[in-house]
C-alpha cells in the first residue's frame, strides 16, 4: 500500500529537498490507530539539496526495513539513532500510549524542507493544499482514530481539513508559560490532538507531557 501512497506525491515536489515518509512499509498498511503529522522537514534545503523527495521516498520504499521509523532509527545531526533533537520526545509519547514507532505512520503537512516554517514566506498553507490529497488518502485508507499534530500550524490546518471543531479537553503545561495542547473531535469521531511542538516543548518531562491527550483519544469508543 505504501507504493500507492507514494504515487500521490505531487510530481512538482519530487525534485525538491524534503521527505514524505517518516515511517516505513509496516506503518502504511492495514489500519492504524494513530497518524502523526509535523509541519515540514527541517534541515537545510541548500546543504541537503541532493536529499530530494524522490530520493528519500525511494530509500524508504526500497532500502529501509519494513519496521523503520525516522524517529527511532535515523541519526539526526550526528547523534545516536533516536537520540537527536525531538526524537526522544516523540519516542517517549509513543511508549506512553503503547505503540511501536515502526507501526505508526508519520509525515508532515508539507513535504518540502526548510530551516524554519516561516521561511516559506506565507506560502506554507498553499503548499499544504498541494500535499493534502496524500494525507487525505492515508486517513481514508488507514482509518486512524487519532491524528497527532506537532504544533499549532499543522494542528489548525488539519483540524480545518477534518472538521474537528469540538474541543474535548486540553492539557496546560505546569510551568510559568502554561502552553496548551488540545484534543478535538469531528462528527465522525476522528480525534485531532494539537500538541505543543516537540522541537520546543519537552514531551518527556512530566510538566510538559501532552501524552495523556493522545491516550484519552485512543481509548475513545464511539
N, C-alpha and C. Protein backbone atom coordinates (compact mmCIF):
# COMPACT_ATOMS: atom_id res chain seq x y z
N UNK A 1 0.82 -1.21 0.00
CA UNK A 1 0.00 0.00 0.00
C UNK A 1 0.86 1.27 0.00
N UNK A 2 2.05 1.18 0.57
CA UNK A 2 2.88 2.38 0.63
C UNK A 2 3.23 2.89 -0.76
N UNK A 3 3.33 1.98 -1.75
CA UNK A 3 3.60 2.42 -3.11
C UNK A 3 2.42 3.20 -3.69
N UNK A 4 1.21 2.81 -3.29
CA UNK A 4 0.04 3.56 -3.73
C UNK A 4 0.06 4.97 -3.16
N UNK A 5 0.43 5.08 -1.89
CA UNK A 5 0.54 6.41 -1.30
C UNK A 5 1.64 7.22 -1.98
N UNK A 6 2.76 6.57 -2.27
CA UNK A 6 3.87 7.27 -2.93
C UNK A 6 3.45 7.84 -4.28
N UNK A 7 2.53 7.16 -4.96
CA UNK A 7 2.07 7.64 -6.26
C UNK A 7 1.27 8.93 -6.15
N UNK A 8 0.86 9.28 -4.94
CA UNK A 8 0.08 10.50 -4.72
C UNK A 8 0.94 11.70 -4.37
N UNK A 9 2.25 11.50 -4.28
CA UNK A 9 3.15 12.63 -4.03
C UNK A 9 3.10 13.56 -5.24
N UNK A 10 2.88 14.86 -5.05
CA UNK A 10 2.81 15.77 -6.20
C UNK A 10 4.10 15.74 -7.02
N UNK A 11 4.01 15.52 -8.32
CA UNK A 11 5.21 15.46 -9.17
C UNK A 11 6.07 16.71 -9.07
N UNK A 12 5.44 17.86 -8.81
CA UNK A 12 6.19 19.12 -8.72
C UNK A 12 7.14 19.16 -7.53
N UNK A 13 6.96 18.23 -6.57
CA UNK A 13 7.80 18.23 -5.37
C UNK A 13 8.87 17.14 -5.39
N UNK A 14 8.86 16.28 -6.38
CA UNK A 14 9.77 15.14 -6.37
C UNK A 14 11.24 15.55 -6.37
N UNK A 15 11.58 16.64 -7.04
CA UNK A 15 12.98 17.07 -7.12
C UNK A 15 13.33 18.15 -6.11
N UNK A 16 12.42 18.39 -5.17
CA UNK A 16 12.64 19.39 -4.13
C UNK A 16 13.28 18.72 -2.91
N UNK A 17 14.15 19.42 -2.21
CA UNK A 17 14.73 18.88 -0.98
C UNK A 17 13.62 18.69 0.05
N UNK A 18 13.50 17.46 0.54
CA UNK A 18 12.44 17.19 1.52
C UNK A 18 12.20 15.70 1.67
N UNK A 19 11.10 15.35 2.31
CA UNK A 19 10.75 13.95 2.51
C UNK A 19 9.26 13.83 2.81
N UNK A 20 8.74 12.64 2.61
CA UNK A 20 7.32 12.36 2.83
C UNK A 20 7.14 11.37 3.97
N UNK A 21 7.82 10.25 3.90
CA UNK A 21 7.60 9.15 4.84
C UNK A 21 8.58 9.23 6.02
N UNK A 22 8.03 9.30 7.22
CA UNK A 22 8.83 9.24 8.44
C UNK A 22 8.73 7.87 9.10
N UNK A 23 8.03 6.96 8.47
CA UNK A 23 7.99 5.57 8.90
C UNK A 23 7.87 4.70 7.66
N UNK A 24 8.12 3.40 7.84
CA UNK A 24 8.27 2.52 6.70
C UNK A 24 7.03 1.74 6.32
N UNK A 25 7.24 0.65 5.63
CA UNK A 25 6.15 -0.08 4.99
C UNK A 25 5.12 -0.62 5.98
N UNK A 26 5.58 -1.10 7.13
CA UNK A 26 4.63 -1.64 8.11
C UNK A 26 3.60 -0.61 8.54
N UNK A 27 4.03 0.62 8.69
CA UNK A 27 3.15 1.67 9.21
C UNK A 27 2.07 2.07 8.22
N UNK A 28 2.32 1.85 6.94
CA UNK A 28 1.39 2.31 5.91
C UNK A 28 0.62 1.15 5.28
N UNK A 29 0.29 0.15 6.10
CA UNK A 29 -0.57 -0.94 5.63
C UNK A 29 -1.60 -1.26 6.70
N UNK A 30 -2.70 -1.86 6.27
CA UNK A 30 -3.76 -2.23 7.21
C UNK A 30 -4.48 -1.01 7.75
N UNK A 31 -4.92 -1.10 8.99
CA UNK A 31 -5.49 0.05 9.69
C UNK A 31 -4.55 0.40 10.84
N UNK A 32 -4.48 1.69 11.16
CA UNK A 32 -3.57 2.17 12.18
C UNK A 32 -4.31 3.16 13.09
N UNK A 33 -4.11 3.05 14.41
CA UNK A 33 -4.87 3.91 15.31
C UNK A 33 -4.41 5.36 15.32
N UNK A 34 -3.14 5.61 14.97
CA UNK A 34 -2.56 6.95 15.12
C UNK A 34 -1.81 7.34 13.86
N UNK A 35 -1.97 8.61 13.47
CA UNK A 35 -1.20 9.20 12.37
C UNK A 35 -0.54 10.45 12.92
N UNK A 36 0.77 10.60 12.75
CA UNK A 36 1.49 11.74 13.28
C UNK A 36 1.90 12.67 12.14
N UNK A 37 1.65 13.98 12.34
CA UNK A 37 1.95 14.97 11.31
C UNK A 37 2.67 16.17 11.91
N UNK A 38 3.87 16.45 11.39
CA UNK A 38 4.55 17.68 11.70
C UNK A 38 4.24 18.74 10.66
N UNK A 39 5.01 19.82 10.66
CA UNK A 39 4.79 20.89 9.70
C UNK A 39 5.52 20.59 8.39
N UNK A 40 6.85 20.49 8.45
CA UNK A 40 7.64 20.15 7.26
C UNK A 40 9.01 19.69 7.72
N UNK A 41 9.76 19.00 6.86
CA UNK A 41 11.08 18.52 7.26
C UNK A 41 12.02 19.67 7.58
N UNK A 42 12.80 19.51 8.64
CA UNK A 42 13.79 20.51 8.99
C UNK A 42 15.10 20.26 8.27
N UNK A 43 16.09 21.06 8.61
CA UNK A 43 17.39 20.95 7.97
C UNK A 43 17.63 22.09 7.01
N UNK A 44 18.53 21.91 6.11
CA UNK A 44 18.90 22.96 5.15
C UNK A 44 18.61 22.50 3.72
N UNK A 45 17.73 23.22 3.02
CA UNK A 45 17.48 22.85 1.62
C UNK A 45 18.68 23.09 0.72
N UNK A 46 19.68 23.81 1.22
CA UNK A 46 20.88 24.06 0.43
C UNK A 46 21.89 22.93 0.61
N UNK A 47 22.29 22.66 1.85
CA UNK A 47 23.28 21.60 2.08
C UNK A 47 22.69 20.22 1.86
N UNK A 48 21.36 20.11 1.91
CA UNK A 48 20.70 18.82 1.68
C UNK A 48 19.93 18.82 0.36
N UNK A 49 20.41 19.57 -0.58
CA UNK A 49 19.72 19.68 -1.88
C UNK A 49 19.59 18.34 -2.57
N UNK A 50 20.59 17.45 -2.35
CA UNK A 50 20.54 16.13 -3.00
C UNK A 50 19.53 15.20 -2.35
N UNK A 51 19.09 15.53 -1.13
CA UNK A 51 18.12 14.69 -0.42
C UNK A 51 16.71 15.10 -0.82
N UNK A 52 16.38 14.79 -2.05
CA UNK A 52 15.09 15.20 -2.60
C UNK A 52 13.96 14.28 -2.12
N UNK A 53 12.75 14.73 -2.35
CA UNK A 53 11.58 13.91 -2.00
C UNK A 53 11.65 12.58 -2.73
N UNK A 54 12.01 12.60 -4.02
CA UNK A 54 12.10 11.35 -4.79
C UNK A 54 13.17 10.44 -4.22
N UNK A 55 14.35 11.00 -3.91
CA UNK A 55 15.46 10.21 -3.35
C UNK A 55 15.07 9.57 -2.03
N UNK A 56 14.46 10.37 -1.14
CA UNK A 56 14.11 9.85 0.19
C UNK A 56 13.01 8.80 0.08
N UNK A 57 12.04 9.03 -0.79
CA UNK A 57 10.95 8.07 -0.96
C UNK A 57 11.50 6.73 -1.46
N UNK A 58 12.38 6.78 -2.42
CA UNK A 58 13.00 5.54 -2.93
C UNK A 58 13.76 4.82 -1.83
N UNK A 59 14.45 5.58 -0.99
CA UNK A 59 15.21 4.99 0.11
C UNK A 59 14.28 4.26 1.08
N UNK A 60 13.17 4.88 1.43
CA UNK A 60 12.23 4.26 2.37
C UNK A 60 11.57 3.03 1.75
N UNK A 61 11.18 3.13 0.48
CA UNK A 61 10.47 2.03 -0.16
C UNK A 61 11.37 0.85 -0.48
N UNK A 62 12.65 1.11 -0.79
CA UNK A 62 13.49 0.04 -1.30
C UNK A 62 14.66 -0.35 -0.41
N UNK A 63 15.11 0.55 0.46
CA UNK A 63 16.32 0.26 1.22
C UNK A 63 16.08 0.08 2.72
N UNK A 64 15.13 0.80 3.27
CA UNK A 64 14.89 0.68 4.70
C UNK A 64 14.06 -0.58 4.99
N UNK A 65 14.20 -1.16 6.19
CA UNK A 65 13.38 -2.33 6.54
C UNK A 65 11.91 -1.97 6.69
N UNK A 66 11.07 -3.00 6.68
CA UNK A 66 9.63 -2.77 6.84
C UNK A 66 9.34 -2.02 8.13
N UNK A 67 10.02 -2.43 9.21
CA UNK A 67 9.81 -1.85 10.53
C UNK A 67 10.84 -0.74 10.74
N UNK A 68 10.56 0.43 10.16
CA UNK A 68 11.51 1.55 10.20
C UNK A 68 10.81 2.80 10.66
N UNK A 69 11.50 3.61 11.44
CA UNK A 69 10.97 4.90 11.89
C UNK A 69 12.09 5.92 11.88
N UNK A 70 11.84 7.07 11.28
CA UNK A 70 12.83 8.15 11.30
C UNK A 70 13.10 8.62 12.72
N UNK A 71 12.10 8.50 13.57
CA UNK A 71 12.28 8.97 14.95
C UNK A 71 13.11 8.00 15.79
N UNK A 72 13.12 6.75 15.43
CA UNK A 72 13.86 5.74 16.20
C UNK A 72 15.18 5.34 15.53
N UNK A 73 15.22 5.30 14.21
CA UNK A 73 16.31 4.64 13.50
C UNK A 73 17.28 5.56 12.77
N UNK A 74 16.92 6.83 12.57
CA UNK A 74 17.81 7.74 11.88
C UNK A 74 18.73 8.45 12.86
N UNK A 75 19.93 8.78 12.40
CA UNK A 75 20.84 9.63 13.16
C UNK A 75 20.61 11.07 12.74
N UNK A 76 20.21 11.90 13.68
CA UNK A 76 19.95 13.31 13.39
C UNK A 76 21.09 14.15 13.97
N UNK A 77 21.72 14.94 13.10
CA UNK A 77 22.80 15.86 13.49
C UNK A 77 23.91 15.14 14.24
N UNK A 78 24.24 13.94 13.79
CA UNK A 78 25.35 13.21 14.36
C UNK A 78 25.08 12.48 15.65
N UNK A 79 23.87 12.60 16.19
CA UNK A 79 23.53 11.90 17.43
C UNK A 79 23.25 10.44 17.14
N UNK A 80 23.28 9.62 18.19
CA UNK A 80 22.91 8.22 18.03
C UNK A 80 21.46 8.12 17.57
N UNK A 81 21.12 7.08 16.79
CA UNK A 81 19.73 6.94 16.33
C UNK A 81 18.74 7.02 17.49
N UNK A 82 17.72 7.85 17.29
CA UNK A 82 16.68 8.01 18.30
C UNK A 82 17.02 8.98 19.41
N UNK A 83 18.22 9.58 19.36
CA UNK A 83 18.67 10.44 20.46
C UNK A 83 18.82 11.91 20.05
N UNK A 84 18.57 12.23 18.80
CA UNK A 84 18.81 13.58 18.31
C UNK A 84 17.55 14.44 18.31
N UNK A 85 17.72 15.72 18.60
CA UNK A 85 16.61 16.67 18.51
C UNK A 85 15.38 16.22 19.27
N UNK A 86 14.25 16.20 18.57
CA UNK A 86 12.99 15.84 19.22
C UNK A 86 12.71 14.34 19.19
N UNK A 87 13.63 13.54 18.65
CA UNK A 87 13.39 12.09 18.58
C UNK A 87 13.04 11.48 19.94
N UNK A 88 13.80 11.73 21.02
CA UNK A 88 13.47 11.10 22.30
C UNK A 88 12.09 11.50 22.82
N UNK A 89 11.66 12.70 22.50
CA UNK A 89 10.36 13.18 22.98
C UNK A 89 9.21 12.46 22.27
N UNK A 90 9.36 12.28 20.96
CA UNK A 90 8.34 11.55 20.22
C UNK A 90 8.31 10.09 20.66
N UNK A 91 9.48 9.50 20.84
CA UNK A 91 9.54 8.10 21.27
C UNK A 91 8.95 7.93 22.67
N UNK A 92 9.15 8.91 23.54
CA UNK A 92 8.55 8.87 24.87
C UNK A 92 7.03 8.81 24.77
N UNK A 93 6.45 9.68 23.95
CA UNK A 93 4.99 9.69 23.80
C UNK A 93 4.48 8.36 23.28
N UNK A 94 5.17 7.80 22.29
CA UNK A 94 4.72 6.53 21.74
C UNK A 94 4.79 5.42 22.78
N UNK A 95 5.82 5.43 23.62
CA UNK A 95 5.87 4.46 24.72
C UNK A 95 4.69 4.65 25.67
N UNK A 96 4.39 5.90 25.98
CA UNK A 96 3.28 6.18 26.90
C UNK A 96 1.95 5.63 26.39
N UNK A 97 1.74 5.70 25.08
CA UNK A 97 0.45 5.25 24.52
C UNK A 97 0.51 3.81 24.03
N UNK A 98 1.66 3.15 24.22
CA UNK A 98 1.76 1.73 23.92
C UNK A 98 1.85 1.38 22.45
N UNK A 99 2.47 2.25 21.65
CA UNK A 99 2.61 1.98 20.22
C UNK A 99 4.09 1.94 19.83
N UNK A 100 4.42 1.06 18.89
CA UNK A 100 5.79 0.92 18.42
C UNK A 100 6.05 1.89 17.27
N UNK A 101 7.17 2.60 17.26
CA UNK A 101 7.42 3.62 16.24
C UNK A 101 7.30 3.11 14.81
N UNK A 102 7.77 1.88 14.55
CA UNK A 102 7.72 1.36 13.20
C UNK A 102 6.33 1.01 12.70
N UNK A 103 5.36 1.04 13.59
CA UNK A 103 3.98 0.76 13.20
C UNK A 103 3.09 1.97 13.15
N UNK A 104 3.65 3.16 13.36
CA UNK A 104 2.86 4.40 13.39
C UNK A 104 3.18 5.23 12.15
N UNK A 105 2.23 5.43 11.24
CA UNK A 105 2.50 6.27 10.08
C UNK A 105 2.78 7.70 10.51
N UNK A 106 3.77 8.31 9.86
CA UNK A 106 4.17 9.67 10.22
C UNK A 106 4.64 10.41 8.98
N UNK A 107 4.34 11.72 8.95
CA UNK A 107 4.73 12.56 7.82
C UNK A 107 4.67 14.01 8.27
N UNK A 108 4.58 14.94 7.31
CA UNK A 108 4.43 16.37 7.56
C UNK A 108 3.37 16.91 6.62
N UNK A 109 2.70 17.99 7.03
CA UNK A 109 1.66 18.54 6.15
C UNK A 109 2.27 19.10 4.87
N UNK A 110 3.54 19.49 4.92
CA UNK A 110 4.27 19.98 3.74
C UNK A 110 5.53 19.12 3.59
N UNK A 111 5.84 18.72 2.37
CA UNK A 111 6.94 17.79 2.13
C UNK A 111 8.28 18.48 1.88
N UNK A 112 8.26 19.76 1.52
CA UNK A 112 9.49 20.48 1.22
C UNK A 112 10.22 20.88 2.49
N UNK A 113 11.53 20.87 2.44
CA UNK A 113 12.37 21.18 3.60
C UNK A 113 12.60 22.68 3.75
N UNK A 114 12.71 23.12 5.01
CA UNK A 114 13.16 24.48 5.30
C UNK A 114 13.76 24.49 6.69
N UNK A 115 14.60 25.50 6.96
CA UNK A 115 15.19 25.61 8.30
C UNK A 115 14.10 25.91 9.34
N UNK A 116 13.18 26.79 8.98
CA UNK A 116 12.06 27.14 9.85
C UNK A 116 10.81 27.27 9.00
N UNK A 117 9.64 27.08 9.64
CA UNK A 117 8.41 27.13 8.85
C UNK A 117 8.16 28.51 8.27
N UNK A 118 8.62 29.59 8.94
CA UNK A 118 8.36 30.93 8.42
C UNK A 118 9.21 31.26 7.19
N UNK A 119 10.13 30.38 6.82
CA UNK A 119 10.92 30.63 5.62
C UNK A 119 10.14 30.39 4.33
N UNK A 120 8.93 29.88 4.45
CA UNK A 120 8.10 29.72 3.26
C UNK A 120 7.44 31.03 2.85
N UNK A 121 7.62 32.07 3.66
CA UNK A 121 7.16 33.41 3.32
C UNK A 121 5.69 33.44 2.92
N UNK A 122 4.86 32.83 3.74
CA UNK A 122 3.42 32.90 3.52
C UNK A 122 2.87 31.84 2.60
N UNK A 123 3.73 31.03 2.00
CA UNK A 123 3.24 30.04 1.05
C UNK A 123 3.03 28.67 1.68
N UNK A 124 3.27 28.54 2.99
CA UNK A 124 3.20 27.22 3.62
C UNK A 124 1.81 26.60 3.46
N UNK A 125 0.77 27.38 3.70
CA UNK A 125 -0.58 26.82 3.61
C UNK A 125 -0.94 26.46 2.17
N UNK A 126 -0.46 27.23 1.22
CA UNK A 126 -0.74 26.87 -0.18
C UNK A 126 0.01 25.59 -0.55
N UNK A 127 1.20 25.39 0.02
CA UNK A 127 1.93 24.15 -0.22
C UNK A 127 1.24 22.98 0.48
N UNK A 128 0.65 23.25 1.64
CA UNK A 128 -0.09 22.20 2.35
C UNK A 128 -1.28 21.73 1.52
N UNK A 129 -1.92 22.64 0.80
CA UNK A 129 -3.04 22.26 -0.06
C UNK A 129 -2.58 21.28 -1.14
N UNK A 130 -1.38 21.50 -1.67
CA UNK A 130 -0.85 20.62 -2.70
C UNK A 130 -0.59 19.22 -2.14
N UNK A 131 -0.15 19.16 -0.88
CA UNK A 131 0.19 17.88 -0.26
C UNK A 131 -1.01 17.17 0.36
N UNK A 132 -2.11 17.88 0.60
CA UNK A 132 -3.21 17.29 1.35
C UNK A 132 -3.81 16.04 0.72
N UNK A 133 -3.95 15.92 -0.61
CA UNK A 133 -4.52 14.67 -1.16
C UNK A 133 -3.80 13.42 -0.68
N UNK A 134 -2.48 13.50 -0.49
CA UNK A 134 -1.74 12.37 0.07
C UNK A 134 -2.26 12.05 1.47
N UNK A 135 -2.35 13.06 2.33
CA UNK A 135 -2.78 12.83 3.71
C UNK A 135 -4.25 12.38 3.77
N UNK A 136 -5.05 12.93 2.90
CA UNK A 136 -6.46 12.53 2.84
C UNK A 136 -6.57 11.04 2.53
N UNK A 137 -5.75 10.57 1.59
CA UNK A 137 -5.78 9.15 1.23
C UNK A 137 -5.29 8.29 2.39
N UNK A 138 -4.24 8.71 3.08
CA UNK A 138 -3.74 7.96 4.23
C UNK A 138 -4.82 7.84 5.30
N UNK A 139 -5.48 8.93 5.59
CA UNK A 139 -6.52 8.92 6.65
C UNK A 139 -7.70 8.06 6.22
N UNK A 140 -8.08 8.14 4.96
CA UNK A 140 -9.22 7.35 4.48
C UNK A 140 -8.91 5.85 4.51
N UNK A 141 -7.70 5.48 4.11
CA UNK A 141 -7.39 4.05 3.96
C UNK A 141 -6.90 3.41 5.25
N UNK A 142 -6.11 4.13 6.03
CA UNK A 142 -5.59 3.55 7.27
C UNK A 142 -6.54 3.75 8.45
N UNK A 143 -7.49 4.65 8.31
CA UNK A 143 -8.56 4.88 9.29
C UNK A 143 -8.03 5.14 10.71
N UNK A 144 -7.07 6.04 10.88
CA UNK A 144 -6.61 6.34 12.24
C UNK A 144 -7.73 6.98 13.06
N UNK A 145 -7.80 6.59 14.32
CA UNK A 145 -8.76 7.22 15.23
C UNK A 145 -8.27 8.58 15.69
N UNK A 146 -6.94 8.75 15.64
CA UNK A 146 -6.33 9.97 16.16
C UNK A 146 -5.28 10.47 15.18
N UNK A 147 -5.30 11.78 14.91
CA UNK A 147 -4.23 12.44 14.18
C UNK A 147 -3.52 13.36 15.17
N UNK A 148 -2.26 13.07 15.43
CA UNK A 148 -1.46 13.87 16.36
C UNK A 148 -0.64 14.87 15.56
N UNK A 149 -0.84 16.16 15.85
CA UNK A 149 -0.17 17.22 15.11
C UNK A 149 0.87 17.90 15.98
N UNK A 150 2.04 18.10 15.42
CA UNK A 150 3.14 18.75 16.13
C UNK A 150 3.02 20.26 15.93
N UNK A 151 2.50 20.96 16.93
CA UNK A 151 2.41 22.41 16.88
C UNK A 151 1.11 22.92 16.27
N UNK A 152 0.87 24.21 16.49
CA UNK A 152 -0.38 24.82 16.08
C UNK A 152 -0.56 24.98 14.59
N UNK A 153 0.53 25.20 13.85
CA UNK A 153 0.40 25.38 12.40
C UNK A 153 -0.17 24.13 11.75
N UNK A 154 0.45 22.99 12.03
CA UNK A 154 -0.06 21.72 11.49
C UNK A 154 -1.43 21.41 12.07
N UNK A 155 -1.59 21.64 13.38
CA UNK A 155 -2.84 21.28 14.05
C UNK A 155 -4.05 22.02 13.53
N UNK A 156 -3.92 23.33 13.38
CA UNK A 156 -5.07 24.11 12.92
C UNK A 156 -5.41 23.79 11.47
N UNK A 157 -4.40 23.52 10.66
CA UNK A 157 -4.67 23.15 9.27
C UNK A 157 -5.41 21.82 9.21
N UNK A 158 -4.94 20.82 9.94
CA UNK A 158 -5.57 19.50 9.92
C UNK A 158 -6.98 19.57 10.51
N UNK A 159 -7.15 20.34 11.56
CA UNK A 159 -8.49 20.50 12.14
C UNK A 159 -9.48 21.02 11.11
N UNK A 160 -9.07 22.03 10.36
CA UNK A 160 -9.96 22.58 9.33
C UNK A 160 -10.28 21.55 8.26
N UNK A 161 -9.27 20.80 7.83
CA UNK A 161 -9.49 19.81 6.79
C UNK A 161 -10.43 18.71 7.24
N UNK A 162 -10.36 18.32 8.51
CA UNK A 162 -11.17 17.20 9.02
C UNK A 162 -12.44 17.67 9.73
N UNK A 163 -12.63 18.96 9.85
CA UNK A 163 -13.81 19.47 10.55
C UNK A 163 -13.84 19.09 12.02
N UNK A 164 -12.66 19.05 12.63
CA UNK A 164 -12.57 18.68 14.05
C UNK A 164 -12.72 19.95 14.89
N UNK A 165 -13.95 20.31 15.18
CA UNK A 165 -14.25 21.59 15.82
C UNK A 165 -14.70 21.48 17.26
N UNK A 166 -14.94 20.26 17.73
CA UNK A 166 -15.43 20.08 19.10
C UNK A 166 -14.24 19.90 20.04
N UNK A 167 -14.05 20.88 20.93
CA UNK A 167 -12.97 20.78 21.90
C UNK A 167 -13.39 19.81 23.00
N UNK A 168 -12.58 18.76 23.19
CA UNK A 168 -12.88 17.75 24.20
C UNK A 168 -12.16 18.05 25.51
N UNK A 169 -10.89 18.33 25.41
CA UNK A 169 -10.11 18.60 26.62
C UNK A 169 -8.80 19.26 26.23
N UNK A 170 -8.16 19.88 27.20
CA UNK A 170 -6.85 20.46 26.95
C UNK A 170 -5.91 20.15 28.10
N UNK A 171 -4.65 20.12 27.77
CA UNK A 171 -3.59 19.92 28.76
C UNK A 171 -2.81 21.23 28.84
N UNK A 172 -2.67 21.76 30.05
CA UNK A 172 -1.93 23.00 30.27
C UNK A 172 -0.61 22.65 30.96
N UNK A 173 0.49 23.11 30.37
CA UNK A 173 1.78 22.84 30.98
C UNK A 173 1.83 23.38 32.40
N UNK A 174 2.48 22.63 33.26
CA UNK A 174 2.57 23.01 34.67
C UNK A 174 3.85 23.81 34.89
N UNK A 175 3.89 24.98 34.27
CA UNK A 175 5.04 25.88 34.40
C UNK A 175 4.55 27.31 34.17
N UNK A 176 5.46 28.25 34.17
CA UNK A 176 5.06 29.65 34.05
C UNK A 176 4.50 30.00 32.68
N UNK A 177 4.96 29.33 31.63
CA UNK A 177 4.47 29.68 30.29
C UNK A 177 3.09 29.12 30.02
N UNK A 178 2.75 27.97 30.61
CA UNK A 178 1.41 27.38 30.52
C UNK A 178 0.92 27.21 29.07
N UNK A 179 1.79 26.69 28.22
CA UNK A 179 1.36 26.38 26.86
C UNK A 179 0.32 25.27 26.90
N UNK A 180 -0.55 25.27 25.92
CA UNK A 180 -1.69 24.36 25.90
C UNK A 180 -1.63 23.40 24.71
N UNK A 181 -1.97 22.16 24.98
CA UNK A 181 -2.23 21.16 23.93
C UNK A 181 -3.71 20.83 24.02
N UNK A 182 -4.36 20.61 22.88
CA UNK A 182 -5.81 20.45 22.88
C UNK A 182 -6.23 19.20 22.09
N UNK A 183 -7.29 18.59 22.56
CA UNK A 183 -7.90 17.44 21.90
C UNK A 183 -9.24 17.86 21.32
N UNK A 184 -9.39 17.68 20.01
CA UNK A 184 -10.62 17.99 19.30
C UNK A 184 -11.17 16.71 18.67
N UNK A 185 -12.44 16.74 18.31
CA UNK A 185 -13.03 15.60 17.61
C UNK A 185 -14.02 16.12 16.58
N UNK A 186 -14.15 15.39 15.46
CA UNK A 186 -15.14 15.76 14.45
C UNK A 186 -16.40 14.91 14.58
N UNK A 187 -17.36 15.13 13.71
CA UNK A 187 -18.65 14.44 13.83
C UNK A 187 -18.54 12.95 13.56
N UNK A 188 -17.47 12.53 12.87
CA UNK A 188 -17.27 11.11 12.59
C UNK A 188 -16.54 10.39 13.72
N UNK A 189 -16.10 11.16 14.72
CA UNK A 189 -15.41 10.57 15.86
C UNK A 189 -13.89 10.59 15.75
N UNK A 190 -13.36 11.10 14.63
CA UNK A 190 -11.90 11.19 14.48
C UNK A 190 -11.37 12.30 15.36
N UNK A 191 -10.32 12.02 16.12
CA UNK A 191 -9.73 13.00 17.03
C UNK A 191 -8.51 13.65 16.38
N UNK A 192 -8.35 14.93 16.66
CA UNK A 192 -7.14 15.65 16.28
C UNK A 192 -6.54 16.23 17.56
N UNK A 193 -5.33 15.83 17.87
CA UNK A 193 -4.62 16.38 19.01
C UNK A 193 -3.65 17.44 18.49
N UNK A 194 -3.88 18.68 18.89
CA UNK A 194 -2.99 19.78 18.53
C UNK A 194 -2.05 19.97 19.71
N UNK A 195 -0.87 19.37 19.61
CA UNK A 195 0.08 19.36 20.72
C UNK A 195 1.11 20.47 20.55
N UNK A 196 1.77 20.82 21.64
CA UNK A 196 2.94 21.67 21.55
C UNK A 196 3.96 20.99 20.64
N UNK A 197 4.83 21.78 20.04
CA UNK A 197 5.79 21.18 19.11
C UNK A 197 6.96 20.57 19.88
N UNK A 198 7.26 19.28 19.63
CA UNK A 198 8.32 18.63 20.41
C UNK A 198 9.73 19.13 20.13
N UNK A 199 9.90 19.98 19.13
CA UNK A 199 11.21 20.60 18.94
C UNK A 199 11.44 21.70 19.97
N UNK A 200 10.36 22.15 20.61
CA UNK A 200 10.45 23.22 21.60
C UNK A 200 10.04 22.72 22.98
N UNK A 201 8.91 22.04 23.06
CA UNK A 201 8.39 21.55 24.34
C UNK A 201 8.93 20.15 24.62
N UNK A 202 9.35 19.91 25.83
CA UNK A 202 9.91 18.60 26.20
C UNK A 202 8.78 17.66 26.62
N UNK A 203 8.34 16.86 25.67
CA UNK A 203 7.26 15.91 25.95
C UNK A 203 7.67 14.86 26.98
N UNK A 204 8.95 14.65 27.18
CA UNK A 204 9.41 13.61 28.10
C UNK A 204 9.43 14.08 29.55
N UNK A 205 9.17 15.36 29.80
CA UNK A 205 9.13 15.89 31.16
C UNK A 205 7.68 15.91 31.65
N UNK A 206 7.40 15.46 32.87
CA UNK A 206 6.02 15.34 33.35
C UNK A 206 5.21 16.64 33.25
N UNK A 207 5.83 17.78 33.49
CA UNK A 207 5.08 19.05 33.50
C UNK A 207 4.71 19.53 32.11
N UNK A 208 5.33 18.96 31.07
CA UNK A 208 5.08 19.44 29.71
C UNK A 208 4.73 18.30 28.75
N UNK A 209 4.26 17.18 29.29
CA UNK A 209 3.99 15.97 28.51
C UNK A 209 2.52 15.90 28.12
N UNK A 210 2.19 16.05 26.82
CA UNK A 210 0.79 16.01 26.39
C UNK A 210 0.27 14.61 26.10
N UNK A 211 1.03 13.57 26.49
CA UNK A 211 0.68 12.20 26.13
C UNK A 211 -0.71 11.80 26.59
N UNK A 212 -1.17 12.36 27.71
CA UNK A 212 -2.47 11.95 28.25
C UNK A 212 -3.60 12.27 27.28
N UNK A 213 -3.46 13.32 26.49
CA UNK A 213 -4.49 13.64 25.50
C UNK A 213 -4.56 12.56 24.42
N UNK A 214 -3.39 12.09 23.98
CA UNK A 214 -3.36 11.04 22.96
C UNK A 214 -3.90 9.73 23.56
N UNK A 215 -3.54 9.43 24.78
CA UNK A 215 -4.07 8.24 25.46
C UNK A 215 -5.60 8.27 25.51
N UNK A 216 -6.13 9.42 25.92
CA UNK A 216 -7.59 9.55 26.01
C UNK A 216 -8.24 9.40 24.64
N UNK A 217 -7.64 10.02 23.63
CA UNK A 217 -8.22 9.96 22.29
C UNK A 217 -8.20 8.54 21.74
N UNK A 218 -7.12 7.80 22.00
CA UNK A 218 -7.02 6.43 21.51
C UNK A 218 -8.01 5.51 22.23
N UNK A 219 -8.33 5.83 23.48
CA UNK A 219 -9.23 4.98 24.27
C UNK A 219 -10.68 5.24 23.97
N UNK A 220 -10.97 6.31 23.21
CA UNK A 220 -12.37 6.67 22.94
C UNK A 220 -13.06 5.60 22.13
N UNK A 221 -14.25 5.23 22.53
CA UNK A 221 -15.05 4.24 21.83
C UNK A 221 -16.35 4.88 21.39
N UNK A 222 -16.44 5.15 20.08
CA UNK A 222 -17.66 5.79 19.55
C UNK A 222 -18.87 4.88 19.68
